[in-house]
Amino acid sequence: MPQKFDLDSDAKLDYAIDWSAWLGVDTISESSWEAGDGITIATDPAPSSTATRTTVWLSGGTVGESYNVTNHIVTVGGRADDRTIWIYVREA
């Protein structure tokens, strides 16, 4: 089940996924994000990652619409997986 978050239509906010429970002693070596049309993955600041956590900055979207944003990681140990967050755009 994806994590669910609200995003004000005029905001640019960061959203993070903590992979530590799934990773165990493994660590993240690569991370990429994908979002559907209508919501923007910011490039300033750009998506980032640590050994166990990934972060993306999002903006835009249409009020009343929801968007799936997916993070794909590859680990040092060679595993790969995806996690999806669900963003609902609202007017504050």
PDB file of N, CA and C in Angstrom:
ATOM      1  N   MET A   1       0.842  -1.182   0.000  1.00  0.00           N
ATOM      2  CA  MET A   1       0.000   0.000   0.000  1.00  0.00           C
ATOM      3  C   MET A   1       0.889   1.247   0.000  1.00  0.00           C
ATOM      4  N   PRO A   2       0.722   2.112  -0.980  1.00  0.00           N
ATOM      5  CA  PRO A   2       1.554   3.321  -1.036  1.00  0.00           C
ATOM      6  C   PRO A   2       1.299   4.257   0.146  1.00  0.00           C
ATOM      7  N   GLN A   3       2.348   4.958   0.560  1.00  0.00           N
ATOM      8  CA  GLN A   3       2.184   6.024   1.538  1.00  0.00           C
ATOM      9  C   GLN A   3       1.402   7.139   0.859  1.00  0.00           C
ATOM     10  N   LYS A   4       0.550   7.830   1.625  1.00  0.00           N
ATOM     11  CA  LYS A   4      -0.283   8.891   1.064  1.00  0.00           C
ATOM     12  C   LYS A   4       0.084  10.232   1.687  1.00  0.00           C
ATOM     13  N   PHE A   5       0.194  11.253   0.814  1.00  0.00           N
ATOM     14  CA  PHE A   5       0.552  12.597   1.255  1.00  0.00           C
ATOM     15  C   PHE A   5      -0.298  13.623   0.523  1.00  0.00           C
ATOM     16  N   ASP A   6      -0.480  14.781   1.155  1.00  0.00           N
ATOM     17  CA  ASP A   6      -1.120  15.923   0.510  1.00  0.00           C
ATOM     18  C   ASP A   6      -0.052  16.889   0.025  1.00  0.00           C
ATOM     19  N   LEU A   7      -0.367  17.591  -1.073  1.00  0.00           N
ATOM     20  CA  LEU A   7       0.509  18.620  -1.614  1.00  0.00           C
ATOM     21  C   LEU A   7      -0.361  19.806  -1.988  1.00  0.00           C
ATOM     22  N   ASP A   8      -0.083  20.968  -1.412  1.00  0.00           N
ATOM     23  CA  ASP A   8      -0.786  22.174  -1.811  1.00  0.00           C
ATOM     24  C   ASP A   8      -0.392  22.508  -3.240  1.00  0.00           C
ATOM     25  N   SER A   9      -1.323  23.005  -4.011  1.00  0.00           N
ATOM     26  CA  SER A   9      -1.066  23.251  -5.430  1.00  0.00           C
ATOM     27  C   SER A   9       0.014  24.305  -5.676  1.00  0.00           C
ATOM     28  N   ASP A  10       0.296  25.154  -4.685  1.00  0.00           N
ATOM     29  CA  ASP A  10       1.318  26.192  -4.842  1.00  0.00           C
ATOM     30  C   ASP A  10       2.640  25.844  -4.154  1.00  0.00           C
ATOM     31  N   ALA A  11       2.740  24.650  -3.596  1.00  0.00           N
ATOM     32  CA  ALA A  11       3.913  24.281  -2.796  1.00  0.00           C
ATOM     33  C   ALA A  11       4.934  23.494  -3.615  1.00  0.00           C
ATOM     34  N   LYS A  12       6.169  23.489  -3.119  1.00  0.00           N
ATOM     35  CA  LYS A  12       7.221  22.571  -3.560  1.00  0.00           C
ATOM     36  C   LYS A  12       7.758  21.944  -2.285  1.00  0.00           C
ATOM     37  N   LEU A  13       7.516  20.637  -2.122  1.00  0.00           N
ATOM     38  CA  LEU A  13       7.846  19.959  -0.868  1.00  0.00           C
ATOM     39  C   LEU A  13       8.647  18.693  -1.122  1.00  0.00           C
ATOM     40  N   ASP A  14       9.366  18.277  -0.070  1.00  0.00           N
ATOM     41  CA  ASP A  14      10.153  17.055  -0.146  1.00  0.00           C
ATOM     42  C   ASP A  14       9.391  15.889   0.475  1.00  0.00           C
ATOM     43  N   TYR A  15       9.561  14.724  -0.143  1.00  0.00           N
ATOM     44  CA  TYR A  15       8.959  13.476   0.320  1.00  0.00           C
ATOM     45  C   TYR A  15      10.055  12.426   0.323  1.00  0.00           C
ATOM     46  N   ALA A  16      10.064  11.599   1.366  1.00  0.00           N
ATOM     47  CA  ALA A  16      11.159  10.635   1.529  1.00  0.00           C
ATOM     48  C   ALA A  16      10.617   9.230   1.756  1.00  0.00           C
ATOM     49  N   ILE A  17      11.424   8.266   1.351  1.00  0.00           N
ATOM     50  CA  ILE A  17      11.153   6.863   1.637  1.00  0.00           C
ATOM     51  C   ILE A  17      12.330   6.326   2.443  1.00  0.00           C
ATOM     52  N   ASP A  18      12.016   5.739   3.587  1.00  0.00           N
ATOM     53  CA  ASP A  18      13.026   5.111   4.435  1.00  0.00           C
ATOM     54  C   ASP A  18      13.062   3.624   4.085  1.00  0.00           C
ATOM     55  N   TRP A  19      14.132   3.195   3.468  1.00  0.00           N
ATOM     56  CA  TRP A  19      14.290   1.814   3.010  1.00  0.00           C
ATOM     57  C   TRP A  19      14.987   0.932   4.050  1.00  0.00           C
ATOM     58  N   SER A  20      15.360   1.466   5.196  1.00  0.00           N
ATOM     59  CA  SER A  20      16.247   0.761   6.123  1.00  0.00           C
ATOM     60  C   SER A  20      15.718  -0.600   6.567  1.00  0.00           C
ATOM     61  N   ALA A  21      14.428  -0.737   6.842  1.00  0.00           N
ATOM     62  CA  ALA A  21      13.885  -2.024   7.295  1.00  0.00           C
ATOM     63  C   ALA A  21      14.016  -3.082   6.202  1.00  0.00           C
ATOM     64  N   TRP A  22      13.782  -2.707   4.966  1.00  0.00           N
ATOM     65  CA  TRP A  22      13.878  -3.641   3.842  1.00  0.00           C
ATOM     66  C   TRP A  22      15.337  -3.966   3.525  1.00  0.00           C
ATOM     67  N   LEU A  23      16.213  -2.986   3.649  1.00  0.00           N
ATOM     68  CA  LEU A  23      17.612  -3.162   3.274  1.00  0.00           C
ATOM     69  C   LEU A  23      18.397  -4.073   4.198  1.00  0.00           C
ATOM     70  N   GLY A  24      18.074  -4.075   5.482  1.00  0.00           N
ATOM     71  CA  GLY A  24      18.907  -4.801   6.430  1.00  0.00           C
ATOM     72  C   GLY A  24      20.293  -4.182   6.457  1.00  0.00           C
ATOM     73  N   VAL A  25      21.330  -4.971   6.157  1.00  0.00           N
ATOM     74  CA  VAL A  25      22.699  -4.450   6.151  1.00  0.00           C
ATOM     75  C   VAL A  25      23.123  -3.951   4.765  1.00  0.00           C
ATOM     76  N   ASP A  26      22.281  -4.160   3.755  1.00  0.00           N
ATOM     77  CA  ASP A  26      22.561  -3.683   2.402  1.00  0.00           C
ATOM     78  C   ASP A  26      22.378  -2.162   2.360  1.00  0.00           C
ATOM     79  N   THR A  27      22.860  -1.515   1.309  1.00  0.00           N
ATOM     80  CA  THR A  27      22.709  -0.067   1.164  1.00  0.00           C
ATOM     81  C   THR A  27      22.332   0.291  -0.274  1.00  0.00           C
ATOM     82  N   ILE A  28      21.787   1.484  -0.441  1.00  0.00           N
ATOM     83  CA  ILE A  28      21.353   1.964  -1.751  1.00  0.00           C
ATOM     84  C   ILE A  28      22.562   2.440  -2.552  1.00  0.00           C
ATOM     85  N   SER A  29      22.657   1.972  -3.802  1.00  0.00           N
ATOM     86  CA  SER A  29      23.723   2.458  -4.684  1.00  0.00           C
ATOM     87  C   SER A  29      23.171   3.346  -5.799  1.00  0.00           C
ATOM     88  N   GLU A  30      21.914   3.128  -6.209  1.00  0.00           N
ATOM     89  CA  GLU A  30      21.281   3.935  -7.255  1.00  0.00           C
ATOM     90  C   GLU A  30      19.827   4.189  -6.878  1.00  0.00           C
ATOM     91  N   SER A  31      19.332   5.366  -7.247  1.00  0.00           N
ATOM     92  CA  SER A  31      17.937   5.710  -6.995  1.00  0.00           C
ATOM     93  C   SER A  31      17.423   6.576  -8.139  1.00  0.00           C
ATOM     94  N   SER A  32      16.220   6.269  -8.617  1.00  0.00           N
ATOM     95  CA  SER A  32      15.585   7.101  -9.635  1.00  0.00           C
ATOM     96  C   SER A  32      14.098   7.232  -9.298  1.00  0.00           C
ATOM     97  N   TRP A  33      13.515   8.327  -9.744  1.00  0.00           N
ATOM     98  CA  TRP A  33      12.109   8.628  -9.473  1.00  0.00           C
ATOM     99  C   TRP A  33      11.361   8.807 -10.784  1.00  0.00           C
ATOM    100  N   GLU A  34      10.089   8.419 -10.787  1.00  0.00           N
ATOM    101  CA  GLU A  34       9.224   8.603 -11.943  1.00  0.00           C
ATOM    102  C   GLU A  34       7.858   9.072 -11.464  1.00  0.00           C
ATOM    103  N   ALA A  35       7.311  10.064 -12.153  1.00  0.00           N
ATOM    104  CA  ALA A  35       5.991  10.595 -11.804  1.00  0.00           C
ATOM    105  C   ALA A  35       5.131  10.675 -13.053  1.00  0.00           C
ATOM    106  N   GLY A  36       3.834  10.521 -12.857  1.00  0.00           N
ATOM    107  CA  GLY A  36       2.906  10.637 -13.974  1.00  0.00           C
ATOM    108  C   GLY A  36       2.809  12.074 -14.461  1.00  0.00           C
ATOM    109  N   ASP A  37       2.214  12.239 -15.640  1.00  0.00           N
ATOM    110  CA  ASP A  37       2.000  13.570 -16.201  1.00  0.00           C
ATOM    111  C   ASP A  37       1.207  14.438 -15.241  1.00  0.00           C
ATOM    112  N   GLY A  38       1.602  15.702 -15.124  1.00  0.00           N
ATOM    113  CA  GLY A  38       0.850  16.658 -14.330  1.00  0.00           C
ATOM    114  C   GLY A  38       1.493  17.052 -13.025  1.00  0.00           C
ATOM    115  N   ILE A  39       2.400  16.250 -12.517  1.00  0.00           N
ATOM    116  CA  ILE A  39       3.121  16.605 -11.294  1.00  0.00           C
ATOM    117  C   ILE A  39       4.608  16.650 -11.651  1.00  0.00           C
ATOM    118  N   THR A  40       5.330  17.554 -11.019  1.00  0.00           N
ATOM    119  CA  THR A  40       6.711  17.812 -11.414  1.00  0.00           C
ATOM    120  C   THR A  40       7.693  17.325 -10.365  1.00  0.00           C
ATOM    121  N   ILE A  41       8.683  16.555 -10.807  1.00  0.00           N
ATOM    122  CA  ILE A  41       9.832  16.219  -9.966  1.00  0.00           C
ATOM    123  C   ILE A  41      10.835  17.348 -10.137  1.00  0.00           C
ATOM    124  N   ALA A  42      11.124  18.037  -9.043  1.00  0.00           N
ATOM    125  CA  ALA A  42      12.019  19.192  -9.096  1.00  0.00           C
ATOM    126  C   ALA A  42      13.446  18.761  -9.403  1.00  0.00           C
ATOM    127  N   THR A  43      14.166  19.663 -10.053  1.00  0.00           N
ATOM    128  CA  THR A  43      15.595  19.441 -10.298  1.00  0.00           C
ATOM    129  C   THR A  43      16.449  20.342  -9.415  1.00  0.00           C
ATOM    130  N   ASP A  44      15.812  21.269  -8.703  1.00  0.00           N
ATOM    131  CA  ASP A  44      16.520  22.163  -7.781  1.00  0.00           C
ATOM    132  C   ASP A  44      15.664  22.376  -6.544  1.00  0.00           C
ATOM    133  N   PRO A  45      15.871  21.626  -5.490  1.00  0.00           N
ATOM    134  CA  PRO A  45      16.906  20.609  -5.349  1.00  0.00           C
ATOM    135  C   PRO A  45      16.521  19.321  -6.079  1.00  0.00           C
ATOM    136  N   ALA A  46      17.527  18.607  -6.512  1.00  0.00           N
ATOM    137  CA  ALA A  46      17.347  17.352  -7.233  1.00  0.00           C
ATOM    138  C   ALA A  46      17.033  16.221  -6.261  1.00  0.00           C
ATOM    139  N   PRO A  47      16.418  15.142  -6.760  1.00  0.00           N
ATOM    140  CA  PRO A  47      16.244  13.965  -5.912  1.00  0.00           C
ATOM    141  C   PRO A  47      17.599  13.526  -5.350  1.00  0.00           C
ATOM    142  N   SER A  48      17.569  12.957  -4.158  1.00  0.00           N
ATOM    143  CA  SER A  48      18.815  12.557  -3.514  1.00  0.00           C
ATOM    144  C   SER A  48      18.612  11.248  -2.756  1.00  0.00           C
ATOM    145  N   SER A  49      19.726  10.666  -2.326  1.00  0.00           N
ATOM    146  CA  SER A  49      19.638   9.454  -1.518  1.00  0.00           C
ATOM    147  C   SER A  49      20.840   9.361  -0.596  1.00  0.00           C
ATOM    148  N   THR A  50      20.612   8.637   0.502  1.00  0.00           N
ATOM    149  CA  THR A  50      21.682   8.246   1.410  1.00  0.00           C
ATOM    150  C   THR A  50      21.790   6.731   1.312  1.00  0.00           C
ATOM    151  N   ALA A  51      22.479   6.127   2.215  1.00  0.00           N
ATOM    152  CA  ALA A  51      22.617   4.670   2.204  1.00  0.00           C
ATOM    153  C   ALA A  51      21.282   3.957   2.428  1.00  0.00           C
ATOM    154  N   THR A  52      20.319   4.630   3.107  1.00  0.00           N
ATOM    155  CA  THR A  52      19.065   3.956   3.466  1.00  0.00           C
ATOM    156  C   THR A  52      17.798   4.760   3.180  1.00  0.00           C
ATOM    157  N   ARG A  53      17.931   5.968   2.639  1.00  0.00           N
ATOM    158  CA  ARG A  53      16.762   6.842   2.475  1.00  0.00           C
ATOM    159  C   ARG A  53      16.853   7.592   1.146  1.00  0.00           C
ATOM    160  N   THR A  54      15.700   7.739   0.480  1.00  0.00           N
ATOM    161  CA  THR A  54      15.641   8.494  -0.772  1.00  0.00           C
ATOM    162  C   THR A  54      14.667   9.655  -0.601  1.00  0.00           C
ATOM    163  N   THR A  55      14.959  10.755  -1.295  1.00  0.00           N
ATOM    164  CA  THR A  55      14.135  11.960  -1.172  1.00  0.00           C
ATOM    165  C   THR A  55      13.882  12.552  -2.549  1.00  0.00           C
ATOM    166  N   VAL A  56      12.644  13.015  -2.751  1.00  0.00           N
ATOM    167  CA  VAL A  56      12.262  13.688  -3.986  1.00  0.00           C
ATOM    168  C   VAL A  56      11.509  14.961  -3.614  1.00  0.00           C
ATOM    169  N   TRP A  57      11.676  16.008  -4.426  1.00  0.00           N
ATOM    170  CA  TRP A  57      10.943  17.258  -4.267  1.00  0.00           C
ATOM    171  C   TRP A  57       9.888  17.322  -5.366  1.00  0.00           C
ATOM    172  N   LEU A  58       8.627  17.618  -4.981  1.00  0.00           N
ATOM    173  CA  LEU A  58       7.518  17.639  -5.926  1.00  0.00           C
ATOM    174  C   LEU A  58       6.805  18.977  -5.909  1.00  0.00           C
ATOM    175  N   SER A  59       6.248  19.340  -7.066  1.00  0.00           N
ATOM    176  CA  SER A  59       5.427  20.546  -7.171  1.00  0.00           C
ATOM    177  C   SER A  59       4.422  20.334  -8.296  1.00  0.00           C
ATOM    178  N   GLY A  60       3.450  21.266  -8.353  1.00  0.00           N
ATOM    179  CA  GLY A  60       2.476  21.240  -9.433  1.00  0.00           C
ATOM    180  C   GLY A  60       1.319  20.313  -9.147  1.00  0.00           C
ATOM    181  N   GLY A  61       0.692  19.891 -10.199  1.00  0.00           N
ATOM    182  CA  GLY A  61      -0.483  19.043 -10.087  1.00  0.00           C
ATOM    183  C   GLY A  61      -1.759  19.857 -10.154  1.00  0.00           C
ATOM    184  N   THR A  62      -2.857  19.180 -10.361  1.00  0.00           N
ATOM    185  CA  THR A  62      -4.177  19.786 -10.462  1.00  0.00           C
ATOM    186  C   THR A  62      -4.946  19.534  -9.177  1.00  0.00           C
ATOM    187  N   VAL A  63      -5.530  20.581  -8.622  1.00  0.00           N
ATOM    188  CA  VAL A  63      -6.312  20.455  -7.384  1.00  0.00           C
ATOM    189  C   VAL A  63      -7.389  19.391  -7.575  1.00  0.00           C
ATOM    190  N   GLY A  64      -7.476  18.495  -6.603  1.00  0.00           N
ATOM    191  CA  GLY A  64      -8.461  17.425  -6.628  1.00  0.00           C
ATOM    192  C   GLY A  64      -7.983  16.149  -7.305  1.00  0.00           C
ATOM    193  N   GLU A  65      -6.800  16.188  -7.899  1.00  0.00           N
ATOM    194  CA  GLU A  65      -6.249  15.006  -8.568  1.00  0.00           C
ATOM    195  C   GLU A  65      -5.211  14.329  -7.677  1.00  0.00           C
ATOM    196  N   SER A  66      -5.004  13.043  -7.902  1.00  0.00           N
ATOM    197  CA  SER A  66      -3.958  12.314  -7.190  1.00  0.00           C
ATOM    198  C   SER A  66      -2.971  11.746  -8.194  1.00  0.00           C
ATOM    199  N   TYR A  67      -1.739  11.577  -7.731  1.00  0.00           N
ATOM    200  CA  TYR A  67      -0.642  11.148  -8.593  1.00  0.00           C
ATOM    201  C   TYR A  67       0.191  10.095  -7.870  1.00  0.00           C
ATOM    202  N   ASN A  68       0.618   9.095  -8.615  1.00  0.00           N
ATOM    203  CA  ASN A  68       1.565   8.120  -8.095  1.00  0.00           C
ATOM    204  C   ASN A  68       2.961   8.551  -8.493  1.00  0.00           C
ATOM    205  N   VAL A  69       3.872   8.489  -7.536  1.00  0.00           N
ATOM    206  CA  VAL A  69       5.279   8.815  -7.768  1.00  0.00           C
ATOM    207  C   VAL A  69       6.077   7.609  -7.277  1.00  0.00           C
ATOM    208  N   THR A  70       6.889   7.040  -8.154  1.00  0.00           N
ATOM    209  CA  THR A  70       7.568   5.781  -7.847  1.00  0.00           C
ATOM    210  C   THR A  70       9.076   5.976  -7.761  1.00  0.00           C
ATOM    211  N   ASN A  71       9.653   5.375  -6.730  1.00  0.00           N
ATOM    212  CA  ASN A  71      11.094   5.369  -6.521  1.00  0.00           C
ATOM    213  C   ASN A  71      11.621   3.970  -6.812  1.00  0.00           C
ATOM    214  N   HIS A  72      12.621   3.883  -7.681  1.00  0.00           N
ATOM    215  CA  HIS A  72      13.278   2.617  -8.005  1.00  0.00           C
ATOM    216  C   HIS A  72      14.699   2.689  -7.458  1.00  0.00           C
ATOM    217  N   ILE A  73      15.081   1.668  -6.697  1.00  0.00           N
ATOM    218  CA  ILE A  73      16.451   1.617  -6.179  1.00  0.00           C
ATOM    219  C   ILE A  73      17.152   0.335  -6.612  1.00  0.00           C
ATOM    220  N   VAL A  74      18.463   0.428  -6.646  1.00  0.00           N
ATOM    221  CA  VAL A  74      19.350  -0.724  -6.797  1.00  0.00           C
ATOM    222  C   VAL A  74      20.306  -0.657  -5.617  1.00  0.00           C
ATOM    223  N   THR A  75      20.593  -1.818  -5.042  1.00  0.00           N
ATOM    224  CA  THR A  75      21.448  -1.838  -3.858  1.00  0.00           C
ATOM    225  C   THR A  75      22.864  -2.291  -4.212  1.00  0.00           C
ATOM    226  N   VAL A  76      23.768  -2.030  -3.273  1.00  0.00           N
ATOM    227  CA  VAL A  76      25.147  -2.477  -3.418  1.00  0.00           C
ATOM    228  C   VAL A  76      25.180  -3.997  -3.586  1.00  0.00           C
ATOM    229  N   GLY A  77      24.276  -4.701  -2.917  1.00  0.00           N
ATOM    230  CA  GLY A  77      24.214  -6.160  -2.992  1.00  0.00           C
ATOM    231  C   GLY A  77      23.541  -6.697  -4.246  1.00  0.00           C
ATOM    232  N   GLY A  78      23.067  -5.798  -5.136  1.00  0.00           N
ATOM    233  CA  GLY A  78      22.487  -6.230  -6.396  1.00  0.00           C
ATOM    234  C   GLY A  78      20.978  -6.392  -6.409  1.00  0.00           C
ATOM    235  N   ARG A  79      20.318  -6.092  -5.304  1.00  0.00           N
ATOM    236  CA  ARG A  79      18.855  -6.171  -5.282  1.00  0.00           C
ATOM    237  C   ARG A  79      18.268  -4.913  -5.905  1.00  0.00           C
ATOM    238  N   ALA A  80      17.026  -5.019  -6.409  1.00  0.00           N
ATOM    239  CA  ALA A  80      16.315  -3.870  -6.971  1.00  0.00           C
ATOM    240  C   ALA A  80      14.861  -3.951  -6.517  1.00  0.00           C
ATOM    241  N   ASP A  81      14.265  -2.769  -6.262  1.00  0.00           N
ATOM    242  CA  ASP A  81      12.865  -2.746  -5.839  1.00  0.00           C
ATOM    243  C   ASP A  81      12.298  -1.357  -6.091  1.00  0.00           C
ATOM    244  N   ASP A  82      10.978  -1.283  -6.045  1.00  0.00           N
ATOM    245  CA  ASP A  82      10.240  -0.030  -6.213  1.00  0.00           C
ATOM    246  C   ASP A  82       9.359   0.216  -5.011  1.00  0.00           C
ATOM    247  N   ARG A  83       9.157   1.491  -4.695  1.00  0.00           N
ATOM    248  CA  ARG A  83       8.149   1.935  -3.725  1.00  0.00           C
ATOM    249  C   ARG A  83       7.416   3.108  -4.355  1.00  0.00           C
ATOM    250  N   THR A  84       6.112   3.163  -4.131  1.00  0.00           N
ATOM    251  CA  THR A  84       5.284   4.218  -4.699  1.00  0.00           C
ATOM    252  C   THR A  84       4.655   5.031  -3.590  1.00  0.00           C
ATOM    253  N   ILE A  85       4.666   6.356  -3.742  1.00  0.00           N
ATOM    254  CA  ILE A  85       3.925   7.230  -2.847  1.00  0.00           C
ATOM    255  C   ILE A  85       2.768   7.836  -3.645  1.00  0.00           C
ATOM    256  N   TRP A  86       1.705   8.136  -2.959  1.00  0.00           N
ATOM    257  CA  TRP A  86       0.501   8.665  -3.566  1.00  0.00           C
ATOM    258  C   TRP A  86       0.348  10.113  -3.111  1.00  0.00           C
ATOM    259  N   ILE A  87       0.266  11.048  -4.055  1.00  0.00           N
ATOM    260  CA  ILE A  87       0.193  12.472  -3.748  1.00  0.00           C
ATOM    261  C   ILE A  87      -1.175  13.009  -4.156  1.00  0.00           C
ATOM    262  N   TYR A  88      -1.902  13.579  -3.203  1.00  0.00           N
ATOM    263  CA  TYR A  88      -3.188  14.211  -3.483  1.00  0.00           C
ATOM    264  C   TYR A  88      -2.978  15.721  -3.460  1.00  0.00           C
ATOM    265  N   VAL A  89      -3.330  16.404  -4.549  1.00  0.00           N
ATOM    266  CA  VAL A  89      -3.136  17.842  -4.639  1.00  0.00           C
ATOM    267  C   VAL A  89      -4.393  18.554  -4.152  1.00  0.00           C
ATOM    268  N   ARG A  90      -4.197  19.478  -3.240  1.00  0.00           N
ATOM    269  CA  ARG A  90      -5.315  20.213  -2.644  1.00  0.00           C
ATOM    270  C   ARG A  90      -4.975  21.698  -2.612  1.00  0.00           C
ATOM    271  N   GLU A  91      -5.966  22.495  -2.347  1.00  0.00           N
ATOM    272  CA  GLU A  91      -5.783  23.944  -2.173  1.00  0.00           C
ATOM    273  C   GLU A  91      -5.846  24.233  -0.686  1.00  0.00           C
ATOM    274  N   ALA A  92      -4.806  24.861  -0.150  1.00  0.00           N
ATOM    275  CA  ALA A  92      -4.767  25.144   1.289  1.00  0.00           C
ATOM    276  C   ALA A  92      -5.703  26.251   1.664  1.00  0.00           C
TER     277      ALA A  92
END
